[in-house]
Amino acid sequence: MSVVVRPLALSDLADLLDVQLACYGEGFVESGEVFARRLASPANCSLVLERGGVVCAYLAAYRSVRGKVTPLHGDFEDALQADTLYLHDMAVMPACAGQGLARALLQPLWAQAAAQGMRHSALVSVQGSQAYWERQGYALQPLEDTTQRARLTSYGEGAVYMQRSL
């Protein structure tokens, strides 16, 4: 079955919300309105993965600066001097897990960001995903700024900020 990775579009929102709910449950579900605002951001570089014409994974991402956290339900804020690819949210339908689909989303975005001169990628690890992100080359990174630490708390207990070099 063919796999297509392409930019996330407004027409994908219903499918994205289905994937999100299947992966996270209601506690981390962000609304279609939030995603629509993110897609309109000039910093947006989110992707979706289709297999056989069906959306089965997505990666919500944008160009940012190192050490800056987007709070849960927050908008993607444009950065004048973007140096970091921020991965806000990645989800793969549970029925498709373990098939390399997450990597198929990550690799082209890392390559694109590096080609655009970004030196880092960062994210907030939630729901026990830290070991997965460590296998992808991310490491814990303390946040010095009190505003950014407060934004991190919007993800609940156990959330950590992580980054890697590109």
N, C-alpha and C. Protein backbone atom coordinates (compact mmCIF):
# COMPACT_ATOMS: atom_id res chain seq x y z
N MET A 1 0.85 -1.17 0.00
CA MET A 1 0.00 0.00 0.00
C MET A 1 0.90 1.24 0.00
N SER A 2 0.57 2.22 -0.83
CA SER A 2 1.42 3.41 -0.95
C SER A 2 1.30 4.32 0.26
N VAL A 3 2.44 4.89 0.65
CA VAL A 3 2.51 5.86 1.74
C VAL A 3 2.84 7.21 1.15
N VAL A 4 2.05 8.21 1.52
CA VAL A 4 2.26 9.58 1.05
C VAL A 4 2.43 10.48 2.27
N VAL A 5 3.54 11.22 2.31
CA VAL A 5 3.76 12.23 3.33
C VAL A 5 3.62 13.57 2.63
N ARG A 6 2.77 14.43 3.19
CA ARG A 6 2.51 15.73 2.57
C ARG A 6 2.18 16.76 3.64
N PRO A 7 2.17 18.05 3.26
CA PRO A 7 1.80 19.08 4.24
C PRO A 7 0.39 18.85 4.78
N LEU A 8 0.22 19.09 6.05
CA LEU A 8 -1.09 19.01 6.70
C LEU A 8 -1.95 20.17 6.20
N ALA A 9 -3.19 19.88 5.81
CA ALA A 9 -4.10 20.89 5.26
C ALA A 9 -5.37 20.98 6.11
N LEU A 10 -6.08 22.09 5.96
CA LEU A 10 -7.35 22.26 6.66
C LEU A 10 -8.31 21.11 6.39
N SER A 11 -8.28 20.59 5.19
CA SER A 11 -9.18 19.48 4.84
C SER A 11 -8.86 18.19 5.61
N ASP A 12 -7.70 18.16 6.29
CA ASP A 12 -7.29 16.99 7.07
C ASP A 12 -7.74 17.04 8.53
N LEU A 13 -8.36 18.14 8.95
CA LEU A 13 -8.63 18.32 10.39
C LEU A 13 -9.50 17.23 10.99
N ALA A 14 -10.54 16.81 10.33
CA ALA A 14 -11.41 15.76 10.89
C ALA A 14 -10.61 14.47 11.10
N ASP A 15 -9.79 14.11 10.11
CA ASP A 15 -8.97 12.90 10.23
C ASP A 15 -7.93 13.06 11.33
N LEU A 16 -7.31 14.24 11.41
CA LEU A 16 -6.32 14.51 12.46
C LEU A 16 -6.96 14.33 13.84
N LEU A 17 -8.14 14.88 14.02
CA LEU A 17 -8.81 14.77 15.32
C LEU A 17 -9.14 13.32 15.65
N ASP A 18 -9.48 12.51 14.66
CA ASP A 18 -9.72 11.09 14.89
C ASP A 18 -8.45 10.38 15.35
N VAL A 19 -7.33 10.68 14.70
CA VAL A 19 -6.04 10.08 15.08
C VAL A 19 -5.67 10.52 16.49
N GLN A 20 -5.82 11.81 16.75
CA GLN A 20 -5.48 12.36 18.07
C GLN A 20 -6.28 11.68 19.18
N LEU A 21 -7.57 11.56 19.01
CA LEU A 21 -8.43 10.94 20.02
C LEU A 21 -8.06 9.47 20.23
N ALA A 22 -7.77 8.76 19.15
CA ALA A 22 -7.40 7.34 19.26
C ALA A 22 -6.09 7.16 20.01
N CYS A 23 -5.19 8.13 19.90
CA CYS A 23 -3.87 8.01 20.52
C CYS A 23 -3.80 8.55 21.94
N TYR A 24 -4.48 9.62 22.21
CA TYR A 24 -4.29 10.33 23.48
C TYR A 24 -5.44 10.25 24.45
N GLY A 25 -6.62 9.96 23.98
CA GLY A 25 -7.77 10.08 24.86
C GLY A 25 -8.11 11.55 25.00
N GLU A 26 -9.15 11.86 25.73
CA GLU A 26 -9.66 13.23 25.77
C GLU A 26 -8.75 14.21 26.50
N GLY A 27 -7.87 13.75 27.38
CA GLY A 27 -7.05 14.65 28.18
C GLY A 27 -6.11 15.54 27.39
N PHE A 28 -5.61 15.07 26.25
CA PHE A 28 -4.66 15.84 25.45
C PHE A 28 -5.23 16.26 24.10
N VAL A 29 -6.51 16.05 23.86
CA VAL A 29 -7.10 16.40 22.57
C VAL A 29 -7.16 17.93 22.45
N GLU A 30 -6.62 18.42 21.34
CA GLU A 30 -6.68 19.85 21.04
C GLU A 30 -7.69 20.04 19.92
N SER A 31 -8.42 21.13 19.94
CA SER A 31 -9.56 21.33 19.04
C SER A 31 -9.16 21.61 17.60
N GLY A 32 -10.12 21.39 16.73
CA GLY A 32 -9.94 21.73 15.32
C GLY A 32 -9.67 23.21 15.13
N GLU A 33 -10.27 24.05 15.97
CA GLU A 33 -10.05 25.50 15.88
C GLU A 33 -8.59 25.84 16.18
N VAL A 34 -8.02 25.19 17.19
CA VAL A 34 -6.60 25.42 17.53
C VAL A 34 -5.73 24.99 16.35
N PHE A 35 -6.00 23.82 15.78
CA PHE A 35 -5.19 23.35 14.65
C PHE A 35 -5.36 24.24 13.43
N ALA A 36 -6.56 24.76 13.21
CA ALA A 36 -6.77 25.67 12.07
C ALA A 36 -5.92 26.93 12.24
N ARG A 37 -5.86 27.47 13.45
CA ARG A 37 -5.00 28.65 13.68
C ARG A 37 -3.53 28.30 13.47
N ARG A 38 -3.12 27.11 13.90
CA ARG A 38 -1.74 26.70 13.72
C ARG A 38 -1.39 26.56 12.23
N LEU A 39 -2.29 26.00 11.46
CA LEU A 39 -2.04 25.85 10.03
C LEU A 39 -1.90 27.20 9.34
N ALA A 40 -2.56 28.23 9.87
CA ALA A 40 -2.48 29.57 9.29
C ALA A 40 -1.19 30.29 9.68
N SER A 41 -0.46 29.78 10.65
CA SER A 41 0.77 30.43 11.10
C SER A 41 1.85 30.34 10.02
N PRO A 42 2.57 31.43 9.77
CA PRO A 42 3.67 31.37 8.79
C PRO A 42 4.80 30.43 9.22
N ALA A 43 4.86 30.10 10.50
CA ALA A 43 5.90 29.21 11.01
C ALA A 43 5.55 27.73 10.84
N ASN A 44 4.31 27.43 10.51
CA ASN A 44 3.83 26.05 10.41
C ASN A 44 4.60 25.24 9.37
N CYS A 45 4.93 24.01 9.70
CA CYS A 45 5.52 23.07 8.74
C CYS A 45 5.03 21.64 9.03
N SER A 46 3.78 21.53 9.45
CA SER A 46 3.19 20.25 9.84
C SER A 46 2.98 19.32 8.65
N LEU A 47 3.03 18.01 8.95
CA LEU A 47 2.87 16.98 7.92
C LEU A 47 1.78 15.99 8.31
N VAL A 48 1.26 15.32 7.29
CA VAL A 48 0.30 14.23 7.49
C VAL A 48 0.80 13.05 6.67
N LEU A 49 0.48 11.85 7.12
CA LEU A 49 0.86 10.64 6.40
C LEU A 49 -0.41 9.88 6.05
N GLU A 50 -0.54 9.58 4.77
CA GLU A 50 -1.65 8.77 4.27
C GLU A 50 -1.12 7.43 3.80
N ARG A 51 -1.86 6.40 4.07
CA ARG A 51 -1.54 5.09 3.52
C ARG A 51 -2.80 4.57 2.86
N GLY A 52 -2.70 4.29 1.59
CA GLY A 52 -3.87 3.86 0.84
C GLY A 52 -4.96 4.91 0.83
N GLY A 53 -4.58 6.19 0.86
CA GLY A 53 -5.54 7.28 0.83
C GLY A 53 -6.19 7.60 2.17
N VAL A 54 -5.78 6.92 3.24
CA VAL A 54 -6.36 7.13 4.57
C VAL A 54 -5.32 7.77 5.48
N VAL A 55 -5.69 8.87 6.15
CA VAL A 55 -4.78 9.52 7.09
C VAL A 55 -4.60 8.61 8.29
N CYS A 56 -3.36 8.24 8.57
CA CYS A 56 -3.11 7.37 9.72
C CYS A 56 -2.05 7.93 10.66
N ALA A 57 -1.48 9.11 10.34
CA ALA A 57 -0.50 9.72 11.24
C ALA A 57 -0.34 11.19 10.86
N TYR A 58 0.11 11.97 11.83
CA TYR A 58 0.41 13.37 11.56
C TYR A 58 1.53 13.84 12.49
N LEU A 59 2.15 14.94 12.10
CA LEU A 59 3.19 15.58 12.90
C LEU A 59 2.95 17.08 12.84
N ALA A 60 2.49 17.65 13.94
CA ALA A 60 2.27 19.10 14.05
C ALA A 60 3.58 19.73 14.48
N ALA A 61 4.13 20.60 13.63
CA ALA A 61 5.44 21.18 13.89
C ALA A 61 5.52 22.60 13.33
N TYR A 62 6.49 23.34 13.85
CA TYR A 62 6.72 24.69 13.34
C TYR A 62 8.13 25.16 13.64
N ARG A 63 8.53 26.23 12.96
CA ARG A 63 9.85 26.84 13.15
C ARG A 63 9.78 27.75 14.37
N SER A 64 10.73 27.58 15.30
CA SER A 64 10.70 28.31 16.57
C SER A 64 12.12 28.65 17.01
N VAL A 65 12.27 28.91 18.30
CA VAL A 65 13.58 29.16 18.88
C VAL A 65 13.80 28.20 20.04
N ARG A 66 15.04 27.85 20.24
CA ARG A 66 15.40 26.91 21.30
C ARG A 66 14.99 27.46 22.66
N GLY A 67 14.41 26.59 23.47
CA GLY A 67 14.00 26.98 24.82
C GLY A 67 12.60 27.54 24.92
N LYS A 68 11.88 27.61 23.81
CA LYS A 68 10.51 28.14 23.82
C LYS A 68 9.52 26.99 23.73
N VAL A 69 8.53 26.99 24.61
CA VAL A 69 7.53 25.93 24.68
C VAL A 69 6.17 26.48 24.24
N THR A 70 5.50 25.75 23.39
CA THR A 70 4.11 26.07 23.06
C THR A 70 3.23 25.36 24.08
N PRO A 71 2.41 26.11 24.81
CA PRO A 71 1.56 25.44 25.80
C PRO A 71 0.50 24.57 25.12
N LEU A 72 -0.01 23.60 25.86
CA LEU A 72 -1.11 22.79 25.36
C LEU A 72 -2.24 23.73 24.98
N HIS A 73 -2.84 23.54 23.82
CA HIS A 73 -3.90 24.37 23.26
C HIS A 73 -3.41 25.74 22.79
N GLY A 74 -2.08 25.94 22.75
CA GLY A 74 -1.52 27.22 22.34
C GLY A 74 -1.31 27.31 20.83
N ASP A 75 -1.15 28.53 20.36
CA ASP A 75 -0.92 28.79 18.94
C ASP A 75 0.57 28.69 18.62
N PHE A 76 0.87 28.45 17.34
CA PHE A 76 2.25 28.45 16.85
C PHE A 76 2.65 29.90 16.63
N GLU A 77 3.63 30.36 17.37
CA GLU A 77 4.08 31.75 17.30
C GLU A 77 5.27 31.85 16.36
N ASP A 78 5.21 32.78 15.42
CA ASP A 78 6.28 32.99 14.46
C ASP A 78 7.51 33.54 15.17
N ALA A 79 8.67 33.05 14.79
CA ALA A 79 9.94 33.52 15.37
C ALA A 79 10.76 34.20 14.27
N LEU A 80 11.26 35.38 14.56
CA LEU A 80 12.04 36.11 13.56
C LEU A 80 13.34 35.40 13.22
N GLN A 81 14.00 34.85 14.22
CA GLN A 81 15.28 34.17 14.03
C GLN A 81 15.14 32.71 14.41
N ALA A 82 14.31 31.97 13.69
CA ALA A 82 14.07 30.56 14.01
C ALA A 82 15.36 29.75 13.89
N ASP A 83 15.67 29.01 14.95
CA ASP A 83 16.83 28.12 14.94
C ASP A 83 16.46 26.69 15.32
N THR A 84 15.15 26.47 15.57
CA THR A 84 14.70 25.20 16.12
C THR A 84 13.42 24.71 15.44
N LEU A 85 13.41 23.46 15.07
CA LEU A 85 12.19 22.80 14.62
C LEU A 85 11.49 22.29 15.87
N TYR A 86 10.32 22.83 16.17
CA TYR A 86 9.58 22.43 17.36
C TYR A 86 8.52 21.41 16.95
N LEU A 87 8.58 20.23 17.53
CA LEU A 87 7.61 19.17 17.29
C LEU A 87 6.55 19.26 18.38
N HIS A 88 5.41 19.78 18.04
CA HIS A 88 4.37 19.98 19.06
C HIS A 88 3.60 18.70 19.35
N ASP A 89 3.35 17.91 18.31
CA ASP A 89 2.47 16.76 18.49
C ASP A 89 2.67 15.79 17.33
N MET A 90 2.90 14.53 17.65
CA MET A 90 2.97 13.50 16.62
C MET A 90 2.13 12.32 17.10
N ALA A 91 1.31 11.81 16.20
CA ALA A 91 0.47 10.67 16.56
C ALA A 91 0.31 9.73 15.37
N VAL A 92 0.32 8.44 15.66
CA VAL A 92 0.11 7.39 14.67
C VAL A 92 -1.04 6.52 15.17
N MET A 93 -1.99 6.25 14.30
CA MET A 93 -3.13 5.40 14.69
C MET A 93 -2.59 4.12 15.34
N PRO A 94 -3.16 3.71 16.45
CA PRO A 94 -2.67 2.52 17.14
C PRO A 94 -2.59 1.28 16.24
N ALA A 95 -3.50 1.12 15.31
CA ALA A 95 -3.47 -0.04 14.41
C ALA A 95 -2.26 -0.01 13.47
N CYS A 96 -1.62 1.15 13.34
CA CYS A 96 -0.47 1.31 12.44
C CYS A 96 0.85 1.44 13.19
N ALA A 97 0.81 1.33 14.51
CA ALA A 97 2.02 1.50 15.32
C ALA A 97 3.05 0.43 14.99
N GLY A 98 4.32 0.79 15.13
CA GLY A 98 5.41 -0.15 14.92
C GLY A 98 5.74 -0.43 13.47
N GLN A 99 5.23 0.38 12.56
CA GLN A 99 5.45 0.16 11.13
C GLN A 99 6.36 1.21 10.50
N GLY A 100 7.02 2.03 11.33
CA GLY A 100 7.95 3.03 10.81
C GLY A 100 7.30 4.30 10.30
N LEU A 101 6.03 4.50 10.58
CA LEU A 101 5.34 5.68 10.06
C LEU A 101 5.79 6.96 10.76
N ALA A 102 6.07 6.90 12.05
CA ALA A 102 6.56 8.08 12.75
C ALA A 102 7.89 8.53 12.15
N ARG A 103 8.77 7.60 11.90
CA ARG A 103 10.07 7.92 11.30
C ARG A 103 9.89 8.51 9.90
N ALA A 104 8.88 8.04 9.17
CA ALA A 104 8.61 8.56 7.83
C ALA A 104 8.16 10.02 7.88
N LEU A 105 7.61 10.45 9.01
CA LEU A 105 7.26 11.86 9.20
C LEU A 105 8.46 12.67 9.70
N LEU A 106 9.20 12.09 10.63
CA LEU A 106 10.32 12.81 11.24
C LEU A 106 11.47 13.10 10.28
N GLN A 107 11.90 12.11 9.54
CA GLN A 107 13.10 12.28 8.71
C GLN A 107 12.99 13.40 7.69
N PRO A 108 11.91 13.51 6.92
CA PRO A 108 11.87 14.62 5.96
C PRO A 108 11.79 15.99 6.64
N LEU A 109 11.14 16.04 7.79
CA LEU A 109 11.04 17.33 8.48
C LEU A 109 12.39 17.73 9.08
N TRP A 110 13.13 16.77 9.64
CA TRP A 110 14.48 17.08 10.14
C TRP A 110 15.36 17.58 8.99
N ALA A 111 15.30 16.90 7.85
CA ALA A 111 16.13 17.28 6.69
C ALA A 111 15.75 18.67 6.19
N GLN A 112 14.46 18.94 6.10
CA GLN A 112 13.99 20.25 5.64
C GLN A 112 14.47 21.35 6.59
N ALA A 113 14.34 21.12 7.90
CA ALA A 113 14.75 22.12 8.88
C ALA A 113 16.25 22.38 8.80
N ALA A 114 17.04 21.34 8.68
CA ALA A 114 18.49 21.51 8.56
C ALA A 114 18.84 22.30 7.29
N ALA A 115 18.15 22.00 6.20
CA ALA A 115 18.39 22.72 4.94
C ALA A 115 18.01 24.20 5.06
N GLN A 116 17.08 24.52 5.96
CA GLN A 116 16.68 25.91 6.18
C GLN A 116 17.55 26.60 7.21
N GLY A 117 18.59 25.91 7.69
CA GLY A 117 19.54 26.52 8.61
C GLY A 117 19.23 26.35 10.08
N MET A 118 18.22 25.57 10.41
CA MET A 118 17.94 25.33 11.82
C MET A 118 18.94 24.32 12.37
N ARG A 119 19.34 24.53 13.60
CA ARG A 119 20.37 23.69 14.20
C ARG A 119 19.83 22.71 15.23
N HIS A 120 18.58 22.91 15.66
CA HIS A 120 18.02 22.11 16.75
C HIS A 120 16.60 21.67 16.42
N SER A 121 16.18 20.64 17.12
CA SER A 121 14.78 20.25 17.16
C SER A 121 14.44 20.07 18.64
N ALA A 122 13.22 20.46 19.00
CA ALA A 122 12.81 20.38 20.41
C ALA A 122 11.35 19.94 20.49
N LEU A 123 10.97 19.49 21.68
CA LEU A 123 9.60 19.02 21.91
C LEU A 123 9.34 18.92 23.40
N VAL A 124 8.09 18.71 23.74
CA VAL A 124 7.69 18.38 25.10
C VAL A 124 7.24 16.93 25.08
N SER A 125 7.91 16.10 25.85
CA SER A 125 7.57 14.68 25.95
C SER A 125 6.49 14.51 27.02
N VAL A 126 5.40 13.81 26.65
CA VAL A 126 4.29 13.57 27.57
C VAL A 126 3.93 12.08 27.55
N GLN A 127 3.12 11.69 28.49
CA GLN A 127 2.53 10.34 28.55
C GLN A 127 3.58 9.23 28.45
N GLY A 128 4.71 9.41 29.11
CA GLY A 128 5.72 8.37 29.16
C GLY A 128 6.48 8.14 27.87
N SER A 129 6.53 9.14 26.99
CA SER A 129 7.19 8.97 25.69
C SER A 129 8.68 9.33 25.70
N GLN A 130 9.23 9.69 26.84
CA GLN A 130 10.62 10.14 26.92
C GLN A 130 11.60 9.11 26.34
N ALA A 131 11.45 7.85 26.65
CA ALA A 131 12.38 6.83 26.13
C ALA A 131 12.32 6.75 24.60
N TYR A 132 11.13 6.89 24.03
CA TYR A 132 11.00 6.90 22.57
C TYR A 132 11.81 8.05 21.99
N TRP A 133 11.64 9.24 22.55
CA TRP A 133 12.33 10.42 22.02
C TRP A 133 13.84 10.32 22.24
N GLU A 134 14.26 9.70 23.32
CA GLU A 134 15.70 9.49 23.52
C GLU A 134 16.27 8.60 22.42
N ARG A 135 15.51 7.58 22.00
CA ARG A 135 15.96 6.72 20.90
C ARG A 135 16.05 7.50 19.58
N GLN A 136 15.34 8.61 19.48
CA GLN A 136 15.40 9.46 18.28
C GLN A 136 16.48 10.54 18.40
N GLY A 137 17.26 10.49 19.48
CA GLY A 137 18.37 11.42 19.64
C GLY A 137 18.09 12.63 20.50
N TYR A 138 16.93 12.72 21.11
CA TYR A 138 16.57 13.85 21.97
C TYR A 138 17.08 13.59 23.39
N ALA A 139 17.41 14.68 24.09
CA ALA A 139 17.86 14.60 25.48
C ALA A 139 17.14 15.67 26.29
N LEU A 140 17.01 15.40 27.58
CA LEU A 140 16.38 16.39 28.47
C LEU A 140 17.15 17.69 28.41
N GLN A 141 16.41 18.79 28.41
CA GLN A 141 17.03 20.11 28.38
C GLN A 141 16.30 20.96 29.42
N PRO A 142 17.01 21.43 30.45
CA PRO A 142 16.34 22.27 31.44
C PRO A 142 15.93 23.61 30.82
N LEU A 143 14.83 24.14 31.30
CA LEU A 143 14.34 25.43 30.85
C LEU A 143 14.70 26.48 31.90
N GLU A 144 15.44 27.49 31.50
CA GLU A 144 15.88 28.54 32.43
C GLU A 144 14.79 29.58 32.65
N ASP A 145 14.01 29.86 31.63
CA ASP A 145 13.02 30.92 31.67
C ASP A 145 11.77 30.50 32.44
N THR A 146 11.33 31.32 33.40
CA THR A 146 10.16 30.96 34.22
C THR A 146 8.88 30.89 33.39
N THR A 147 8.74 31.74 32.39
CA THR A 147 7.56 31.69 31.53
C THR A 147 7.48 30.37 30.79
N GLN A 148 8.62 29.91 30.28
CA GLN A 148 8.65 28.65 29.55
C GLN A 148 8.40 27.46 30.47
N ARG A 149 8.91 27.52 31.69
CA ARG A 149 8.63 26.45 32.66
C ARG A 149 7.14 26.41 32.99
N ALA A 150 6.51 27.58 33.09
CA ALA A 150 5.06 27.63 33.35
C ALA A 150 4.29 27.03 32.18
N ARG A 151 4.73 27.31 30.95
CA ARG A 151 4.07 26.73 29.78
C ARG A 151 4.20 25.20 29.80
N LEU A 152 5.34 24.71 30.23
CA LEU A 152 5.57 23.26 30.31
C LEU A 152 4.56 22.60 31.25
N THR A 153 4.18 23.28 32.33
CA THR A 153 3.24 22.70 33.29
C THR A 153 1.85 22.48 32.70
N SER A 154 1.54 23.16 31.57
CA SER A 154 0.22 22.96 30.96
C SER A 154 0.02 21.52 30.48
N TYR A 155 1.13 20.76 30.35
CA TYR A 155 1.06 19.37 29.89
C TYR A 155 0.90 18.37 31.03
N GLY A 156 0.93 18.86 32.25
CA GLY A 156 0.73 17.97 33.39
C GLY A 156 2.01 17.37 33.92
N GLU A 157 1.83 16.57 34.94
CA GLU A 157 2.95 15.94 35.63
C GLU A 157 3.71 15.00 34.70
N GLY A 158 5.02 15.03 34.81
CA GLY A 158 5.85 14.15 34.02
C GLY A 158 6.27 14.70 32.67
N ALA A 159 5.72 15.84 32.25
CA ALA A 159 6.10 16.45 30.98
C ALA A 159 7.52 17.01 31.10
N VAL A 160 8.33 16.79 30.07
CA VAL A 160 9.72 17.29 30.06
C VAL A 160 10.03 17.89 28.70
N TYR A 161 10.89 18.91 28.72
CA TYR A 161 11.36 19.54 27.50
C TYR A 161 12.63 18.82 27.04
N MET A 162 12.66 18.50 25.75
CA MET A 162 13.79 17.75 25.20
C MET A 162 14.23 18.41 23.89
N GLN A 163 15.51 18.23 23.56
CA GLN A 163 16.00 18.73 22.27
C GLN A 163 17.08 17.83 21.72
N ARG A 164 17.37 18.02 20.43
CA ARG A 164 18.45 17.30 19.75
C ARG A 164 19.03 18.24 18.71
N SER A 165 20.25 17.93 18.29
CA SER A 165 20.88 18.67 17.21
C SER A 165 20.39 18.10 15.88
N LEU A 166 20.36 18.96 14.88
CA LEU A 166 19.93 18.51 13.54
C LEU A 166 21.13 18.22 12.66
